[in-house]
PDB file of N, CA and C in Angstrom:
ATOM      1  N   MET A   1     -26.284 -12.208 -11.657  1.00  0.00           N
ATOM      2  CA  MET A   1     -26.542 -13.295 -12.585  1.00  0.00           C
ATOM      3  C   MET A   1     -28.056 -13.548 -12.605  1.00  0.00           C
ATOM      4  N   ASN A   2     -28.594 -13.717 -13.795  1.00  0.00           N
ATOM      5  CA  ASN A   2     -30.039 -13.946 -13.877  1.00  0.00           C
ATOM      6  C   ASN A   2     -30.371 -15.433 -13.764  1.00  0.00           C
ATOM      7  N   LEU A   3     -31.646 -15.718 -13.649  1.00  0.00           N
ATOM      8  CA  LEU A   3     -32.105 -17.094 -13.421  1.00  0.00           C
ATOM      9  C   LEU A   3     -31.761 -18.016 -14.589  1.00  0.00           C
ATOM     10  N   PHE A   4     -31.812 -17.491 -15.819  1.00  0.00           N
ATOM     11  CA  PHE A   4     -31.456 -18.302 -16.990  1.00  0.00           C
ATOM     12  C   PHE A   4     -30.031 -18.831 -16.849  1.00  0.00           C
ATOM     13  N   ASN A   5     -29.091 -17.946 -16.533  1.00  0.00           N
ATOM     14  CA  ASN A   5     -27.690 -18.364 -16.395  1.00  0.00           C
ATOM     15  C   ASN A   5     -27.505 -19.349 -15.250  1.00  0.00           C
ATOM     16  N   GLU A   6     -28.202 -19.126 -14.144  1.00  0.00           N
ATOM     17  CA  GLU A   6     -28.100 -20.044 -13.011  1.00  0.00           C
ATOM     18  C   GLU A   6     -28.587 -21.441 -13.390  1.00  0.00           C
ATOM     19  N   LEU A   7     -29.688 -21.513 -14.139  1.00  0.00           N
ATOM     20  CA  LEU A   7     -30.211 -22.815 -14.565  1.00  0.00           C
ATOM     21  C   LEU A   7     -29.263 -23.500 -15.546  1.00  0.00           C
ATOM     22  N   MET A   8     -28.652 -22.737 -16.440  1.00  0.00           N
ATOM     23  CA  MET A   8     -27.708 -23.322 -17.396  1.00  0.00           C
ATOM     24  C   MET A   8     -26.467 -23.851 -16.672  1.00  0.00           C
ATOM     25  N   ILE A   9     -25.978 -23.116 -15.693  1.00  0.00           N
ATOM     26  CA  ILE A   9     -24.815 -23.561 -14.918  1.00  0.00           C
ATOM     27  C   ILE A   9     -25.169 -24.801 -14.101  1.00  0.00           C
ATOM     28  N   SER A  10     -26.354 -24.798 -13.509  1.00  0.00           N
ATOM     29  CA  SER A  10     -26.815 -25.956 -12.745  1.00  0.00           C
ATOM     30  C   SER A  10     -26.920 -27.185 -13.644  1.00  0.00           C
ATOM     31  N   GLY A  11     -27.477 -27.010 -14.831  1.00  0.00           N
ATOM     32  CA  GLY A  11     -27.586 -28.109 -15.787  1.00  0.00           C
ATOM     33  C   GLY A  11     -26.226 -28.635 -16.198  1.00  0.00           C
ATOM     34  N   SER A  12     -25.295 -27.722 -16.394  1.00  0.00           N
ATOM     35  CA  SER A  12     -23.945 -28.116 -16.791  1.00  0.00           C
ATOM     36  C   SER A  12     -23.267 -28.948 -15.701  1.00  0.00           C
ATOM     37  N   SER A  13     -23.420 -28.534 -14.450  1.00  0.00           N
ATOM     38  CA  SER A  13     -22.793 -29.301 -13.368  1.00  0.00           C
ATOM     39  C   SER A  13     -23.445 -30.673 -13.212  1.00  0.00           C
ATOM     40  N   LEU A  14     -24.760 -30.750 -13.406  1.00  0.00           N
ATOM     41  CA  LEU A  14     -25.439 -32.051 -13.353  1.00  0.00           C
ATOM     42  C   LEU A  14     -24.988 -32.945 -14.504  1.00  0.00           C
ATOM     43  N   GLU A  15     -24.788 -32.341 -15.667  1.00  0.00           N
ATOM     44  CA  GLU A  15     -24.339 -33.107 -16.833  1.00  0.00           C
ATOM     45  C   GLU A  15     -22.934 -33.659 -16.608  1.00  0.00           C
ATOM     46  N   LYS A  16     -22.072 -32.882 -15.967  1.00  0.00           N
ATOM     47  CA  LYS A  16     -20.712 -33.347 -15.669  1.00  0.00           C
ATOM     48  C   LYS A  16     -20.727 -34.535 -14.714  1.00  0.00           C
ATOM     49  N   ARG A  17     -21.745 -34.581 -13.844  1.00  0.00           N
ATOM     50  CA  ARG A  17     -21.880 -35.704 -12.911  1.00  0.00           C
ATOM     51  C   ARG A  17     -22.674 -36.853 -13.521  1.00  0.00           C
ATOM     52  N   LYS A  18     -22.976 -36.750 -14.819  1.00  0.00           N
ATOM     53  CA  LYS A  18     -23.691 -37.764 -15.597  1.00  0.00           C
ATOM     54  C   LYS A  18     -25.131 -37.971 -15.121  1.00  0.00           C
ATOM     55  N   LEU A  19     -25.741 -36.905 -14.624  1.00  0.00           N
ATOM     56  CA  LEU A  19     -27.153 -36.922 -14.249  1.00  0.00           C
ATOM     57  C   LEU A  19     -27.918 -36.238 -15.382  1.00  0.00           C
ATOM     58  N   TYR A  20     -28.013 -36.939 -16.500  1.00  0.00           N
ATOM     59  CA  TYR A  20     -28.497 -36.330 -17.735  1.00  0.00           C
ATOM     60  C   TYR A  20     -29.973 -35.939 -17.692  1.00  0.00           C
ATOM     61  N   ARG A  21     -30.802 -36.741 -17.072  1.00  0.00           N
ATOM     62  CA  ARG A  21     -32.236 -36.397 -17.023  1.00  0.00           C
ATOM     63  C   ARG A  21     -32.476 -35.156 -16.175  1.00  0.00           C
ATOM     64  N   ARG A  22     -31.787 -35.064 -15.058  1.00  0.00           N
ATOM     65  CA  ARG A  22     -31.926 -33.869 -14.210  1.00  0.00           C
ATOM     66  C   ARG A  22     -31.356 -32.644 -14.909  1.00  0.00           C
ATOM     67  N   ALA A  23     -30.255 -32.823 -15.625  1.00  0.00           N
ATOM     68  CA  ALA A  23     -29.678 -31.709 -16.380  1.00  0.00           C
ATOM     69  C   ALA A  23     -30.649 -31.248 -17.460  1.00  0.00           C
ATOM     70  N   ALA A  24     -31.290 -32.192 -18.133  1.00  0.00           N
ATOM     71  CA  ALA A  24     -32.260 -31.840 -19.174  1.00  0.00           C
ATOM     72  C   ALA A  24     -33.420 -31.045 -18.583  1.00  0.00           C
ATOM     73  N   GLU A  25     -33.826 -31.384 -17.366  1.00  0.00           N
ATOM     74  CA  GLU A  25     -34.889 -30.624 -16.693  1.00  0.00           C
ATOM     75  C   GLU A  25     -34.466 -29.173 -16.481  1.00  0.00           C
ATOM     76  N   GLN A  26     -33.225 -28.982 -16.028  1.00  0.00           N
ATOM     77  CA  GLN A  26     -32.736 -27.621 -15.791  1.00  0.00           C
ATOM     78  C   GLN A  26     -32.653 -26.836 -17.099  1.00  0.00           C
ATOM     79  N   TYR A  27     -32.169 -27.494 -18.151  1.00  0.00           N
ATOM     80  CA  TYR A  27     -32.084 -26.828 -19.449  1.00  0.00           C
ATOM     81  C   TYR A  27     -33.477 -26.499 -19.985  1.00  0.00           C
ATOM     82  N   ASN A  28     -34.449 -27.364 -19.730  1.00  0.00           N
ATOM     83  CA  ASN A  28     -35.816 -27.114 -20.169  1.00  0.00           C
ATOM     84  C   ASN A  28     -36.398 -25.899 -19.445  1.00  0.00           C
ATOM     85  N   LYS A  29     -36.141 -25.798 -18.144  1.00  0.00           N
ATOM     86  CA  LYS A  29     -36.593 -24.626 -17.390  1.00  0.00           C
ATOM     87  C   LYS A  29     -35.946 -23.359 -17.951  1.00  0.00           C
ATOM     88  N   ALA A  30     -34.657 -23.447 -18.269  1.00  0.00           N
ATOM     89  CA  ALA A  30     -33.953 -22.291 -18.834  1.00  0.00           C
ATOM     90  C   ALA A  30     -34.549 -21.907 -20.184  1.00  0.00           C
ATOM     91  N   PHE A  31     -34.939 -22.899 -20.972  1.00  0.00           N
ATOM     92  CA  PHE A  31     -35.545 -22.631 -22.282  1.00  0.00           C
ATOM     93  C   PHE A  31     -36.814 -21.798 -22.127  1.00  0.00           C
ATOM     94  N   HIS A  32     -37.616 -22.137 -21.135  1.00  0.00           N
ATOM     95  CA  HIS A  32     -38.872 -21.413 -20.933  1.00  0.00           C
ATOM     96  C   HIS A  32     -38.654 -20.013 -20.366  1.00  0.00           C
ATOM     97  N   LEU A  33     -37.507 -19.768 -19.739  1.00  0.00           N
ATOM     98  CA  LEU A  33     -37.198 -18.443 -19.207  1.00  0.00           C
ATOM     99  C   LEU A  33     -36.393 -17.590 -20.183  1.00  0.00           C
ATOM    100  N   ALA A  34     -35.947 -18.186 -21.282  1.00  0.00           N
ATOM    101  CA  ALA A  34     -35.091 -17.480 -22.240  1.00  0.00           C
ATOM    102  C   ALA A  34     -35.825 -16.313 -22.885  1.00  0.00           C
ATOM    103  N   ALA A  35     -35.032 -15.344 -23.310  1.00  0.00           N
ATOM    104  CA  ALA A  35     -35.598 -14.194 -24.026  1.00  0.00           C
ATOM    105  C   ALA A  35     -36.222 -14.689 -25.323  1.00  0.00           C
ATOM    106  N   PRO A  36     -37.428 -14.235 -25.654  1.00  0.00           N
ATOM    107  CA  PRO A  36     -38.101 -14.719 -26.870  1.00  0.00           C
ATOM    108  C   PRO A  36     -37.402 -14.254 -28.139  1.00  0.00           C
ATOM    109  N   GLY A  37     -37.488 -15.094 -29.166  1.00  0.00           N
ATOM    110  CA  GLY A  37     -36.904 -14.761 -30.461  1.00  0.00           C
ATOM    111  C   GLY A  37     -37.865 -13.946 -31.309  1.00  0.00           C
ATOM    112  N   ASN A  38     -37.495 -13.736 -32.555  1.00  0.00           N
ATOM    113  CA  ASN A  38     -38.330 -12.974 -33.487  1.00  0.00           C
ATOM    114  C   ASN A  38     -39.206 -13.926 -34.281  1.00  0.00           C
ATOM    115  N   GLY A  39     -40.438 -14.100 -33.864  1.00  0.00           N
ATOM    116  CA  GLY A  39     -41.372 -14.950 -34.608  1.00  0.00           C
ATOM    117  C   GLY A  39     -40.949 -16.401 -34.632  1.00  0.00           C
ATOM    118  N   ALA A  40     -40.648 -16.904 -35.847  1.00  0.00           N
ATOM    119  CA  ALA A  40     -40.304 -18.318 -36.021  1.00  0.00           C
ATOM    120  C   ALA A  40     -38.837 -18.607 -35.699  1.00  0.00           C
ATOM    121  N   VAL A  41     -38.044 -17.578 -35.473  1.00  0.00           N
ATOM    122  CA  VAL A  41     -36.613 -17.746 -35.210  1.00  0.00           C
ATOM    123  C   VAL A  41     -36.379 -17.763 -33.701  1.00  0.00           C
ATOM    124  N   LEU A  42     -35.625 -18.762 -33.234  1.00  0.00           N
ATOM    125  CA  LEU A  42     -35.309 -18.861 -31.814  1.00  0.00           C
ATOM    126  C   LEU A  42     -34.219 -17.862 -31.445  1.00  0.00           C
ATOM    127  N   SER A  43     -34.274 -17.358 -30.227  1.00  0.00           N
ATOM    128  CA  SER A  43     -33.207 -16.486 -29.746  1.00  0.00           C
ATOM    129  C   SER A  43     -31.973 -17.339 -29.445  1.00  0.00           C
ATOM    130  N   LYS A  44     -30.850 -16.681 -29.214  1.00  0.00           N
ATOM    131  CA  LYS A  44     -29.608 -17.403 -28.923  1.00  0.00           C
ATOM    132  C   LYS A  44     -29.752 -18.228 -27.638  1.00  0.00           C
ATOM    133  N   GLN A  45     -30.403 -17.658 -26.621  1.00  0.00           N
ATOM    134  CA  GLN A  45     -30.609 -18.383 -25.365  1.00  0.00           C
ATOM    135  C   GLN A  45     -31.506 -19.595 -25.580  1.00  0.00           C
ATOM    136  N   GLU A  46     -32.581 -19.419 -26.342  1.00  0.00           N
ATOM    137  CA  GLU A  46     -33.493 -20.535 -26.609  1.00  0.00           C
ATOM    138  C   GLU A  46     -32.778 -21.644 -27.369  1.00  0.00           C
ATOM    139  N   LYS A  47     -31.993 -21.258 -28.365  1.00  0.00           N
ATOM    140  CA  LYS A  47     -31.277 -22.239 -29.188  1.00  0.00           C
ATOM    141  C   LYS A  47     -30.271 -23.024 -28.344  1.00  0.00           C
ATOM    142  N   THR A  48     -29.508 -22.315 -27.527  1.00  0.00           N
ATOM    143  CA  THR A  48     -28.495 -22.960 -26.693  1.00  0.00           C
ATOM    144  C   THR A  48     -29.122 -23.935 -25.705  1.00  0.00           C
ATOM    145  N   SER A  49     -30.155 -23.494 -25.007  1.00  0.00           N
ATOM    146  CA  SER A  49     -30.778 -24.365 -24.001  1.00  0.00           C
ATOM    147  C   SER A  49     -31.473 -25.559 -24.650  1.00  0.00           C
ATOM    148  N   LYS A  50     -32.064 -25.362 -25.815  1.00  0.00           N
ATOM    149  CA  LYS A  50     -32.739 -26.470 -26.503  1.00  0.00           C
ATOM    150  C   LYS A  50     -31.727 -27.515 -26.975  1.00  0.00           C
ATOM    151  N   GLN A  51     -30.597 -27.071 -27.531  1.00  0.00           N
ATOM    152  CA  GLN A  51     -29.574 -28.003 -28.006  1.00  0.00           C
ATOM    153  C   GLN A  51     -28.987 -28.811 -26.853  1.00  0.00           C
ATOM    154  N   THR A  52     -28.702 -28.151 -25.741  1.00  0.00           N
ATOM    155  CA  THR A  52     -28.121 -28.871 -24.604  1.00  0.00           C
ATOM    156  C   THR A  52     -29.133 -29.836 -23.992  1.00  0.00           C
ATOM    157  N   MET A  53     -30.402 -29.434 -23.953  1.00  0.00           N
ATOM    158  CA  MET A  53     -31.446 -30.317 -23.435  1.00  0.00           C
ATOM    159  C   MET A  53     -31.559 -31.566 -24.304  1.00  0.00           C
ATOM    160  N   GLU A  54     -31.569 -31.393 -25.619  1.00  0.00           N
ATOM    161  CA  GLU A  54     -31.679 -32.533 -26.530  1.00  0.00           C
ATOM    162  C   GLU A  54     -30.473 -33.454 -26.410  1.00  0.00           C
ATOM    163  N   ARG A  55     -29.272 -32.873 -26.240  1.00  0.00           N
ATOM    164  CA  ARG A  55     -28.061 -33.682 -26.079  1.00  0.00           C
ATOM    165  C   ARG A  55     -28.163 -34.549 -24.825  1.00  0.00           C
ATOM    166  N   CYS A  56     -28.654 -33.979 -23.728  1.00  0.00           N
ATOM    167  CA  CYS A  56     -28.800 -34.739 -22.482  1.00  0.00           C
ATOM    168  C   CYS A  56     -29.835 -35.840 -22.618  1.00  0.00           C
ATOM    169  N   LEU A  57     -30.922 -35.545 -23.312  1.00  0.00           N
ATOM    170  CA  LEU A  57     -31.955 -36.567 -23.497  1.00  0.00           C
ATOM    171  C   LEU A  57     -31.435 -37.725 -24.338  1.00  0.00           C
ATOM    172  N   ILE A  58     -30.624 -37.431 -25.334  1.00  0.00           N
ATOM    173  CA  ILE A  58     -30.026 -38.490 -26.156  1.00  0.00           C
ATOM    174  C   ILE A  58     -29.087 -39.340 -25.303  1.00  0.00           C
ATOM    175  N   LYS A  59     -28.268 -38.691 -24.484  1.00  0.00           N
ATOM    176  CA  LYS A  59     -27.335 -39.427 -23.627  1.00  0.00           C
ATOM    177  C   LYS A  59     -28.072 -40.275 -22.595  1.00  0.00           C
ATOM    178  N   SER A  60     -29.196 -39.779 -22.097  1.00  0.00           N
ATOM    179  CA  SER A  60     -29.923 -40.530 -21.068  1.00  0.00           C
ATOM    180  C   SER A  60     -30.613 -41.759 -21.637  1.00  0.00           C
ATOM    181  N   LYS A  61     -30.837 -41.790 -22.944  1.00  0.00           N
ATOM    182  CA  LYS A  61     -31.491 -42.943 -23.567  1.00  0.00           C
ATOM    183  C   LYS A  61     -30.525 -44.084 -23.826  1.00  0.00           C
ATOM    184  N   ILE A  62     -29.234 -43.796 -23.813  1.00  0.00           N
ATOM    185  CA  ILE A  62     -28.230 -44.826 -24.055  1.00  0.00           C
ATOM    186  C   ILE A  62     -28.128 -45.698 -22.808  1.00  0.00           C
ATOM    187  N   LYS A  63     -28.407 -46.975 -22.972  1.00  0.00           N
ATOM    188  CA  LYS A  63     -28.362 -47.899 -21.843  1.00  0.00           C
ATOM    189  C   LYS A  63     -27.461 -49.072 -22.196  1.00  0.00           C
ATOM    190  N   ILE A  64     -26.674 -49.485 -21.231  1.00  0.00           N
ATOM    191  CA  ILE A  64     -25.783 -50.618 -21.426  1.00  0.00           C
ATOM    192  C   ILE A  64     -26.393 -51.810 -20.698  1.00  0.00           C
ATOM    193  N   VAL A  65     -26.695 -52.845 -21.449  1.00  0.00           N
ATOM    194  CA  VAL A  65     -27.284 -54.051 -20.872  1.00  0.00           C
ATOM    195  C   VAL A  65     -26.159 -55.051 -20.645  1.00  0.00           C
ATOM    196  N   GLU A  66     -25.995 -55.461 -19.391  1.00  0.00           N
ATOM    197  CA  GLU A  66     -24.936 -56.406 -19.052  1.00  0.00           C
ATOM    198  C   GLU A  66     -25.536 -57.776 -18.769  1.00  0.00           C
ATOM    199  N   GLY A  67     -24.750 -58.781 -18.980  1.00  0.00           N
ATOM    200  CA  GLY A  67     -25.163 -60.133 -18.639  1.00  0.00           C
ATOM    201  C   GLY A  67     -25.947 -60.854 -19.718  1.00  0.00           C
ATOM    202  N   LEU A  68     -25.918 -60.349 -20.942  1.00  0.00           N
ATOM    203  CA  LEU A  68     -26.631 -61.039 -22.021  1.00  0.00           C
ATOM    204  C   LEU A  68     -25.714 -61.956 -22.775  1.00  0.00           C
TER     205      LEU A  68
END
């Protein structure tokens, strides 16, 4: 298994434990290790890691304020 897959699996397990910021970090590392695309087009690995990273960042911004 290569490092890209290990980082994606690590990010997935962190996401399941609702550690979204840490998962986004792992997905970001995977994005930088992904195989490069053709010019302006992202590769499949780049696209997958970028989408999952953005999803985690969106989830981490959701905050529930109690006691108001």
